[in-house]
Amino acid sequence: MLLARKISPEQAVSVENADVEGIFLVKEPKRFYPNGELAAHLVGFVGMDARGLEGLESKYDESLKGKPEKLAWARDGQRQKIIFTRRKE
């Protein structure tokens, strides 16, 4: 279950420091526009889920979003992460 999105760096530190089992941070992709609003009507925009909604963002969404990955890990007796893997879907 997702608790919050786009939290501040300070909130992220608080979550990490709390070290509550089952509560963790997931970095979400963010599209970066180096020229800000230049040609915004052509480039388009994305929604909260990073899906292209209008313009070139929509037309080339499949190419721009990358490939999904699964993350998995386990903890040892001292609650340290001991396994961390990434694999493409």
PDB file of N, CA and C in Angstrom:
ATOM      1  N   MET A   1       0.845  -1.168   0.000  1.00  0.00           N
ATOM      2  CA  MET A   1       0.000   0.000   0.000  1.00  0.00           C
ATOM      3  C   MET A   1       0.897   1.239   0.000  1.00  0.00           C
ATOM      4  N   LEU A   2       0.592   2.174  -0.822  1.00  0.00           N
ATOM      5  CA  LEU A   2       1.343   3.423  -0.937  1.00  0.00           C
ATOM      6  C   LEU A   2       0.842   4.410   0.115  1.00  0.00           C
ATOM      7  N   LEU A   3       1.767   4.954   0.903  1.00  0.00           N
ATOM      8  CA  LEU A   3       1.383   5.901   1.950  1.00  0.00           C
ATOM      9  C   LEU A   3       1.471   7.346   1.503  1.00  0.00           C
ATOM     10  N   ALA A   4       2.516   7.689   0.735  1.00  0.00           N
ATOM     11  CA  ALA A   4       2.703   9.078   0.296  1.00  0.00           C
ATOM     12  C   ALA A   4       3.601   9.113  -0.927  1.00  0.00           C
ATOM     13  N   ARG A   5       3.457  10.165  -1.709  1.00  0.00           N
ATOM     14  CA  ARG A   5       4.303  10.375  -2.883  1.00  0.00           C
ATOM     15  C   ARG A   5       4.895  11.769  -2.818  1.00  0.00           C
ATOM     16  N   LYS A   6       6.055  11.918  -3.460  1.00  0.00           N
ATOM     17  CA  LYS A   6       6.713  13.211  -3.578  1.00  0.00           C
ATOM     18  C   LYS A   6       6.912  13.885  -2.223  1.00  0.00           C
ATOM     19  N   ILE A   7       7.466  13.131  -1.285  1.00  0.00           N
ATOM     20  CA  ILE A   7       7.728  13.704   0.040  1.00  0.00           C
ATOM     21  C   ILE A   7       9.029  14.509  -0.004  1.00  0.00           C
ATOM     22  N   SER A   8       9.194  15.381   0.954  1.00  0.00           N
ATOM     23  CA  SER A   8      10.386  16.232   1.004  1.00  0.00           C
ATOM     24  C   SER A   8      11.604  15.395   1.423  1.00  0.00           C
ATOM     25  N   PRO A   9      12.803  15.882   1.120  1.00  0.00           N
ATOM     26  CA  PRO A   9      14.008  15.175   1.568  1.00  0.00           C
ATOM     27  C   PRO A   9      14.044  14.997   3.095  1.00  0.00           C
ATOM     28  N   GLU A  10      13.550  15.975   3.826  1.00  0.00           N
ATOM     29  CA  GLU A  10      13.525  15.881   5.288  1.00  0.00           C
ATOM     30  C   GLU A  10      12.598  14.758   5.740  1.00  0.00           C
ATOM     31  N   GLN A  11      11.444  14.640   5.090  1.00  0.00           N
ATOM     32  CA  GLN A  11      10.514  13.557   5.423  1.00  0.00           C
ATOM     33  C   GLN A  11      11.127  12.204   5.085  1.00  0.00           C
ATOM     34  N   ALA A  12      11.851  12.129   3.978  1.00  0.00           N
ATOM     35  CA  ALA A  12      12.499  10.878   3.580  1.00  0.00           C
ATOM     36  C   ALA A  12      13.515  10.445   4.636  1.00  0.00           C
ATOM     37  N   VAL A  13      14.290  11.390   5.156  1.00  0.00           N
ATOM     38  CA  VAL A  13      15.267  11.080   6.205  1.00  0.00           C
ATOM     39  C   VAL A  13      14.549  10.563   7.444  1.00  0.00           C
ATOM     40  N   SER A  14      13.433  11.181   7.796  1.00  0.00           N
ATOM     41  CA  SER A  14      12.666  10.742   8.968  1.00  0.00           C
ATOM     42  C   SER A  14      12.156   9.310   8.792  1.00  0.00           C
ATOM     43  N   VAL A  15      11.682   8.985   7.613  1.00  0.00           N
ATOM     44  CA  VAL A  15      11.198   7.628   7.337  1.00  0.00           C
ATOM     45  C   VAL A  15      12.343   6.628   7.463  1.00  0.00           C
ATOM     46  N   GLU A  16      13.486   6.946   6.868  1.00  0.00           N
ATOM     47  CA  GLU A  16      14.651   6.060   6.951  1.00  0.00           C
ATOM     48  C   GLU A  16      15.093   5.881   8.399  1.00  0.00           C
ATOM     49  N   ASN A  17      15.151   6.955   9.153  1.00  0.00           N
ATOM     50  CA  ASN A  17      15.599   6.894  10.547  1.00  0.00           C
ATOM     51  C   ASN A  17      14.629   6.134  11.439  1.00  0.00           C
ATOM     52  N   ALA A  18      13.345   6.144  11.113  1.00  0.00           N
ATOM     53  CA  ALA A  18      12.349   5.437  11.913  1.00  0.00           C
ATOM     54  C   ALA A  18      12.558   3.930  11.837  1.00  0.00           C
ATOM     55  N   ASP A  19      13.077   3.429  10.712  1.00  0.00           N
ATOM     56  CA  ASP A  19      13.393   2.012  10.521  1.00  0.00           C
ATOM     57  C   ASP A  19      12.231   1.100  10.925  1.00  0.00           C
ATOM     58  N   VAL A  20      11.044   1.396  10.421  1.00  0.00           N
ATOM     59  CA  VAL A  20       9.858   0.597  10.693  1.00  0.00           C
ATOM     60  C   VAL A  20       9.784  -0.531   9.665  1.00  0.00           C
ATOM     61  N   GLU A  21       9.673  -1.764  10.136  1.00  0.00           N
ATOM     62  CA  GLU A  21       9.593  -2.924   9.245  1.00  0.00           C
ATOM     63  C   GLU A  21       8.397  -2.768   8.305  1.00  0.00           C
ATOM     64  N   GLY A  22       8.640  -2.943   7.021  1.00  0.00           N
ATOM     65  CA  GLY A  22       7.573  -2.868   6.021  1.00  0.00           C
ATOM     66  C   GLY A  22       7.336  -1.472   5.472  1.00  0.00           C
ATOM     67  N   ILE A  23       7.959  -0.467   6.058  1.00  0.00           N
ATOM     68  CA  ILE A  23       7.845   0.904   5.553  1.00  0.00           C
ATOM     69  C   ILE A  23       9.185   1.264   4.918  1.00  0.00           C
ATOM     70  N   PHE A  24       9.172   1.625   3.651  1.00  0.00           N
ATOM     71  CA  PHE A  24      10.415   1.932   2.956  1.00  0.00           C
ATOM     72  C   PHE A  24      10.158   2.959   1.865  1.00  0.00           C
ATOM     73  N   LEU A  25      11.236   3.512   1.354  1.00  0.00           N
ATOM     74  CA  LEU A  25      11.160   4.529   0.314  1.00  0.00           C
ATOM     75  C   LEU A  25      11.385   3.892  -1.048  1.00  0.00           C
ATOM     76  N   VAL A  26      10.696   4.406  -2.037  1.00  0.00           N
ATOM     77  CA  VAL A  26      10.881   3.983  -3.420  1.00  0.00           C
ATOM     78  C   VAL A  26      11.105   5.245  -4.236  1.00  0.00           C
ATOM     79  N   LYS A  27      12.246   5.301  -4.911  1.00  0.00           N
ATOM     80  CA  LYS A  27      12.501   6.454  -5.763  1.00  0.00           C
ATOM     81  C   LYS A  27      11.670   6.311  -7.031  1.00  0.00           C
ATOM     82  N   GLU A  28      10.966   7.372  -7.367  1.00  0.00           N
ATOM     83  CA  GLU A  28      10.156   7.370  -8.582  1.00  0.00           C
ATOM     84  C   GLU A  28      10.849   8.195  -9.660  1.00  0.00           C
ATOM     85  N   PRO A  29      10.688   7.760 -10.895  1.00  0.00           N
ATOM     86  CA  PRO A  29      11.315   8.534 -11.966  1.00  0.00           C
ATOM     87  C   PRO A  29      10.655   9.900 -12.125  1.00  0.00           C
ATOM     88  N   LYS A  30      11.450  10.840 -12.543  1.00  0.00           N
ATOM     89  CA  LYS A  30      10.923  12.178 -12.817  1.00  0.00           C
ATOM     90  C   LYS A  30      11.538  12.644 -14.120  1.00  0.00           C
ATOM     91  N   ARG A  31      10.717  13.084 -15.027  1.00  0.00           N
ATOM     92  CA  ARG A  31      11.233  13.571 -16.294  1.00  0.00           C
ATOM     93  C   ARG A  31      11.746  14.987 -16.119  1.00  0.00           C
ATOM     94  N   PHE A  32      12.892  15.226 -16.695  1.00  0.00           N
ATOM     95  CA  PHE A  32      13.567  16.511 -16.555  1.00  0.00           C
ATOM     96  C   PHE A  32      13.521  17.241 -17.888  1.00  0.00           C
ATOM     97  N   TYR A  33      13.123  18.498 -17.857  1.00  0.00           N
ATOM     98  CA  TYR A  33      13.038  19.314 -19.063  1.00  0.00           C
ATOM     99  C   TYR A  33      14.100  20.406 -18.963  1.00  0.00           C
ATOM    100  N   PRO A  34      15.243  20.223 -19.634  1.00  0.00           N
ATOM    101  CA  PRO A  34      16.364  21.155 -19.481  1.00  0.00           C
ATOM    102  C   PRO A  34      16.043  22.594 -19.874  1.00  0.00           C
ATOM    103  N   ASN A  35      15.091  22.795 -20.755  1.00  0.00           N
ATOM    104  CA  ASN A  35      14.767  24.153 -21.191  1.00  0.00           C
ATOM    105  C   ASN A  35      13.445  24.659 -20.620  1.00  0.00           C
ATOM    106  N   GLY A  36      13.043  24.075 -19.518  1.00  0.00           N
ATOM    107  CA  GLY A  36      11.833  24.544 -18.842  1.00  0.00           C
ATOM    108  C   GLY A  36      10.606  24.525 -19.727  1.00  0.00           C
ATOM    109  N   GLU A  37       9.991  25.678 -19.901  1.00  0.00           N
ATOM    110  CA  GLU A  37       8.739  25.775 -20.649  1.00  0.00           C
ATOM    111  C   GLU A  37       8.922  25.953 -22.153  1.00  0.00           C
ATOM    112  N   LEU A  38      10.162  25.997 -22.612  1.00  0.00           N
ATOM    113  CA  LEU A  38      10.408  26.156 -24.038  1.00  0.00           C
ATOM    114  C   LEU A  38       9.744  25.015 -24.816  1.00  0.00           C
ATOM    115  N   ALA A  39       8.893  25.328 -25.769  1.00  0.00           N
ATOM    116  CA  ALA A  39       8.176  24.361 -26.602  1.00  0.00           C
ATOM    117  C   ALA A  39       7.281  23.431 -25.782  1.00  0.00           C
ATOM    118  N   ALA A  40       6.822  23.895 -24.627  1.00  0.00           N
ATOM    119  CA  ALA A  40       5.988  23.065 -23.749  1.00  0.00           C
ATOM    120  C   ALA A  40       4.740  22.547 -24.459  1.00  0.00           C
ATOM    121  N   HIS A  41       4.151  23.363 -25.331  1.00  0.00           N
ATOM    122  CA  HIS A  41       2.948  22.940 -26.050  1.00  0.00           C
ATOM    123  C   HIS A  41       3.242  21.775 -26.992  1.00  0.00           C
ATOM    124  N   LEU A  42       4.465  21.655 -27.454  1.00  0.00           N
ATOM    125  CA  LEU A  42       4.871  20.560 -28.332  1.00  0.00           C
ATOM    126  C   LEU A  42       5.340  19.349 -27.524  1.00  0.00           C
ATOM    127  N   VAL A  43       6.140  19.594 -26.511  1.00  0.00           N
ATOM    128  CA  VAL A  43       6.680  18.510 -25.681  1.00  0.00           C
ATOM    129  C   VAL A  43       5.563  17.810 -24.929  1.00  0.00           C
ATOM    130  N   GLY A  44       4.606  18.550 -24.400  1.00  0.00           N
ATOM    131  CA  GLY A  44       3.505  17.957 -23.648  1.00  0.00           C
ATOM    132  C   GLY A  44       3.845  17.840 -22.181  1.00  0.00           C
ATOM    133  N   PHE A  45       3.160  16.905 -21.492  1.00  0.00           N
ATOM    134  CA  PHE A  45       3.382  16.745 -20.055  1.00  0.00           C
ATOM    135  C   PHE A  45       3.005  15.336 -19.630  1.00  0.00           C
ATOM    136  N   VAL A  46       3.385  15.000 -18.392  1.00  0.00           N
ATOM    137  CA  VAL A  46       3.083  13.687 -17.822  1.00  0.00           C
ATOM    138  C   VAL A  46       2.205  13.858 -16.597  1.00  0.00           C
ATOM    139  N   GLY A  47       1.522  12.777 -16.217  1.00  0.00           N
ATOM    140  CA  GLY A  47       0.705  12.773 -15.014  1.00  0.00           C
ATOM    141  C   GLY A  47       1.512  12.342 -13.800  1.00  0.00           C
ATOM    142  N   MET A  48       0.850  12.180 -12.659  1.00  0.00           N
ATOM    143  CA  MET A  48       1.515  11.772 -11.412  1.00  0.00           C
ATOM    144  C   MET A  48       2.201  10.419 -11.544  1.00  0.00           C
ATOM    145  N   ASP A  49       1.713   9.564 -12.420  1.00  0.00           N
ATOM    146  CA  ASP A  49       2.304   8.239 -12.597  1.00  0.00           C
ATOM    147  C   ASP A  49       3.384   8.230 -13.670  1.00  0.00           C
ATOM    148  N   ALA A  50       3.816   9.401 -14.115  1.00  0.00           N
ATOM    149  CA  ALA A  50       4.864   9.580 -15.131  1.00  0.00           C
ATOM    150  C   ALA A  50       4.458   9.065 -16.508  1.00  0.00           C
ATOM    151  N   ARG A  51       3.174   8.898 -16.762  1.00  0.00           N
ATOM    152  CA  ARG A  51       2.704   8.525 -18.095  1.00  0.00           C
ATOM    153  C   ARG A  51       2.505   9.787 -18.913  1.00  0.00           C
ATOM    154  N   GLY A  52       2.983   9.760 -20.160  1.00  0.00           N
ATOM    155  CA  GLY A  52       2.803  10.898 -21.040  1.00  0.00           C
ATOM    156  C   GLY A  52       1.329  11.111 -21.348  1.00  0.00           C
ATOM    157  N   LEU A  53       0.843  12.315 -21.141  1.00  0.00           N
ATOM    158  CA  LEU A  53      -0.582  12.601 -21.338  1.00  0.00           C
ATOM    159  C   LEU A  53      -0.860  13.410 -22.596  1.00  0.00           C
ATOM    160  N   GLU A  54       0.069  14.249 -23.000  1.00  0.00           N
ATOM    161  CA  GLU A  54      -0.133  15.100 -24.176  1.00  0.00           C
ATOM    162  C   GLU A  54       1.173  15.255 -24.929  1.00  0.00           C
ATOM    163  N   GLY A  55       1.081  15.674 -26.185  1.00  0.00           N
ATOM    164  CA  GLY A  55       2.235  16.015 -27.003  1.00  0.00           C
ATOM    165  C   GLY A  55       3.182  14.856 -27.255  1.00  0.00           C
ATOM    166  N   LEU A  56       4.466  15.182 -27.418  1.00  0.00           N
ATOM    167  CA  LEU A  56       5.485  14.159 -27.658  1.00  0.00           C
ATOM    168  C   LEU A  56       5.622  13.209 -26.478  1.00  0.00           C
ATOM    169  N   GLU A  57       5.356  13.696 -25.277  1.00  0.00           N
ATOM    170  CA  GLU A  57       5.386  12.827 -24.097  1.00  0.00           C
ATOM    171  C   GLU A  57       4.413  11.664 -24.264  1.00  0.00           C
ATOM    172  N   SER A  58       3.240  11.934 -24.794  1.00  0.00           N
ATOM    173  CA  SER A  58       2.246  10.889 -25.015  1.00  0.00           C
ATOM    174  C   SER A  58       2.642   9.988 -26.172  1.00  0.00           C
ATOM    175  N   LYS A  59       3.049  10.593 -27.291  1.00  0.00           N
ATOM    176  CA  LYS A  59       3.378   9.820 -28.490  1.00  0.00           C
ATOM    177  C   LYS A  59       4.530   8.850 -28.251  1.00  0.00           C
ATOM    178  N   TYR A  60       5.556   9.277 -27.503  1.00  0.00           N
ATOM    179  CA  TYR A  60       6.751   8.458 -27.290  1.00  0.00           C
ATOM    180  C   TYR A  60       6.851   7.929 -25.856  1.00  0.00           C
ATOM    181  N   ASP A  61       5.736   7.825 -25.170  1.00  0.00           N
ATOM    182  CA  ASP A  61       5.727   7.393 -23.779  1.00  0.00           C
ATOM    183  C   ASP A  61       6.438   6.055 -23.575  1.00  0.00           C
ATOM    184  N   GLU A  62       6.181   5.086 -24.417  1.00  0.00           N
ATOM    185  CA  GLU A  62       6.806   3.762 -24.268  1.00  0.00           C
ATOM    186  C   GLU A  62       8.324   3.855 -24.312  1.00  0.00           C
ATOM    187  N   SER A  63       8.872   4.655 -25.188  1.00  0.00           N
ATOM    188  CA  SER A  63      10.320   4.804 -25.305  1.00  0.00           C
ATOM    189  C   SER A  63      10.916   5.598 -24.146  1.00  0.00           C
ATOM    190  N   LEU A  64      10.183   6.585 -23.667  1.00  0.00           N
ATOM    191  CA  LEU A  64      10.700   7.476 -22.632  1.00  0.00           C
ATOM    192  C   LEU A  64      10.669   6.876 -21.226  1.00  0.00           C
ATOM    193  N   LYS A  65       9.722   5.986 -20.961  1.00  0.00           N
ATOM    194  CA  LYS A  65       9.555   5.542 -19.578  1.00  0.00           C
ATOM    195  C   LYS A  65      10.527   4.459 -19.132  1.00  0.00           C
ATOM    196  N   GLY A  66      11.215   3.782 -20.026  1.00  0.00           N
ATOM    197  CA  GLY A  66      12.159   2.750 -19.615  1.00  0.00           C
ATOM    198  C   GLY A  66      11.461   1.433 -19.330  1.00  0.00           C
ATOM    199  N   LYS A  67      12.196   0.528 -18.725  1.00  0.00           N
ATOM    200  CA  LYS A  67      11.672  -0.815 -18.427  1.00  0.00           C
ATOM    201  C   LYS A  67      11.419  -0.973 -16.930  1.00  0.00           C
ATOM    202  N   PRO A  68      10.309  -1.631 -16.546  1.00  0.00           N
ATOM    203  CA  PRO A  68      10.043  -1.848 -15.124  1.00  0.00           C
ATOM    204  C   PRO A  68      11.043  -2.840 -14.519  1.00  0.00           C
ATOM    205  N   GLU A  69      11.334  -2.662 -13.243  1.00  0.00           N
ATOM    206  CA  GLU A  69      12.227  -3.554 -12.521  1.00  0.00           C
ATOM    207  C   GLU A  69      11.565  -4.009 -11.225  1.00  0.00           C
ATOM    208  N   LYS A  70      11.925  -5.215 -10.772  1.00  0.00           N
ATOM    209  CA  LYS A  70      11.469  -5.698  -9.474  1.00  0.00           C
ATOM    210  C   LYS A  70      12.637  -5.623  -8.513  1.00  0.00           C
ATOM    211  N   LEU A  71      12.356  -5.209  -7.302  1.00  0.00           N
ATOM    212  CA  LEU A  71      13.372  -5.121  -6.262  1.00  0.00           C
ATOM    213  C   LEU A  71      13.033  -6.136  -5.175  1.00  0.00           C
ATOM    214  N   ALA A  72      14.036  -6.836  -4.668  1.00  0.00           N
ATOM    215  CA  ALA A  72      13.806  -7.815  -3.602  1.00  0.00           C
ATOM    216  C   ALA A  72      14.990  -7.813  -2.644  1.00  0.00           C
ATOM    217  N   TRP A  73      14.728  -8.043  -1.358  1.00  0.00           N
ATOM    218  CA  TRP A  73      15.783  -8.139  -0.370  1.00  0.00           C
ATOM    219  C   TRP A  73      15.289  -8.929   0.827  1.00  0.00           C
ATOM    220  N   ALA A  74      16.227  -9.279   1.700  1.00  0.00           N
ATOM    221  CA  ALA A  74      15.915  -9.962   2.949  1.00  0.00           C
ATOM    222  C   ALA A  74      16.698  -9.267   4.056  1.00  0.00           C
ATOM    223  N   ARG A  75      16.358  -9.563   5.303  1.00  0.00           N
ATOM    224  CA  ARG A  75      17.078  -8.973   6.434  1.00  0.00           C
ATOM    225  C   ARG A  75      17.676 -10.087   7.282  1.00  0.00           C
ATOM    226  N   ASP A  76      18.846  -9.812   7.857  1.00  0.00           N
ATOM    227  CA  ASP A  76      19.456 -10.789   8.749  1.00  0.00           C
ATOM    228  C   ASP A  76      18.908 -10.603  10.164  1.00  0.00           C
ATOM    229  N   GLY A  77      19.461 -11.320  11.122  1.00  0.00           N
ATOM    230  CA  GLY A  77      18.977 -11.264  12.498  1.00  0.00           C
ATOM    231  C   GLY A  77      19.136  -9.903  13.145  1.00  0.00           C
ATOM    232  N   GLN A  78      19.996  -9.069  12.567  1.00  0.00           N
ATOM    233  CA  GLN A  78      20.195  -7.715  13.093  1.00  0.00           C
ATOM    234  C   GLN A  78      19.464  -6.667  12.258  1.00  0.00           C
ATOM    235  N   ARG A  79      18.523  -7.137  11.471  1.00  0.00           N
ATOM    236  CA  ARG A  79      17.658  -6.289  10.645  1.00  0.00           C
ATOM    237  C   ARG A  79      18.421  -5.522   9.560  1.00  0.00           C
ATOM    238  N   GLN A  80      19.577  -6.022   9.158  1.00  0.00           N
ATOM    239  CA  GLN A  80      20.338  -5.414   8.074  1.00  0.00           C
ATOM    240  C   GLN A  80      19.925  -6.066   6.755  1.00  0.00           C
ATOM    241  N   LYS A  81      19.802  -5.272   5.715  1.00  0.00           N
ATOM    242  CA  LYS A  81      19.486  -5.838   4.405  1.00  0.00           C
ATOM    243  C   LYS A  81      20.671  -6.661   3.931  1.00  0.00           C
ATOM    244  N   ILE A  82      20.410  -7.903   3.538  1.00  0.00           N
ATOM    245  CA  ILE A  82      21.503  -8.767   3.101  1.00  0.00           C
ATOM    246  C   ILE A  82      21.409  -9.170   1.641  1.00  0.00           C
ATOM    247  N   ILE A  83      20.239  -9.021   1.057  1.00  0.00           N
ATOM    248  CA  ILE A  83      20.081  -9.357  -0.346  1.00  0.00           C
ATOM    249  C   ILE A  83      19.344  -8.213  -1.018  1.00  0.00           C
ATOM    250  N   PHE A  84      19.868  -7.767  -2.126  1.00  0.00           N
ATOM    251  CA  PHE A  84      19.206  -6.717  -2.880  1.00  0.00           C
ATOM    252  C   PHE A  84      19.419  -7.033  -4.350  1.00  0.00           C
ATOM    253  N   THR A  85      18.349  -7.317  -5.061  1.00  0.00           N
ATOM    254  CA  THR A  85      18.479  -7.666  -6.469  1.00  0.00           C
ATOM    255  C   THR A  85      17.570  -6.781  -7.313  1.00  0.00           C
ATOM    256  N   ARG A  86      17.979  -6.601  -8.526  1.00  0.00           N
ATOM    257  CA  ARG A  86      17.160  -5.920  -9.527  1.00  0.00           C
ATOM    258  C   ARG A  86      17.041  -6.843 -10.704  1.00  0.00           C
ATOM    259  N   ARG A  87      15.869  -6.995 -11.209  1.00  0.00           N
ATOM    260  CA  ARG A  87      15.721  -7.765 -12.432  1.00  0.00           C
ATOM    261  C   ARG A  87      14.630  -7.127 -13.283  1.00  0.00           C
ATOM    262  N   LYS A  88      14.860  -7.155 -14.561  1.00  0.00           N
ATOM    263  CA  LYS A  88      13.887  -6.577 -15.491  1.00  0.00           C
ATOM    264  C   LYS A  88      12.635  -7.429 -15.513  1.00  0.00           C
ATOM    265  N   GLU A  89      11.492  -6.795 -15.663  1.00  0.00           N
ATOM    266  CA  GLU A  89      10.217  -7.498 -15.785  1.00  0.00           C
ATOM    267  C   GLU A  89      10.172  -8.267 -17.068  1.00  0.00           C
TER     268      GLU A  89
END
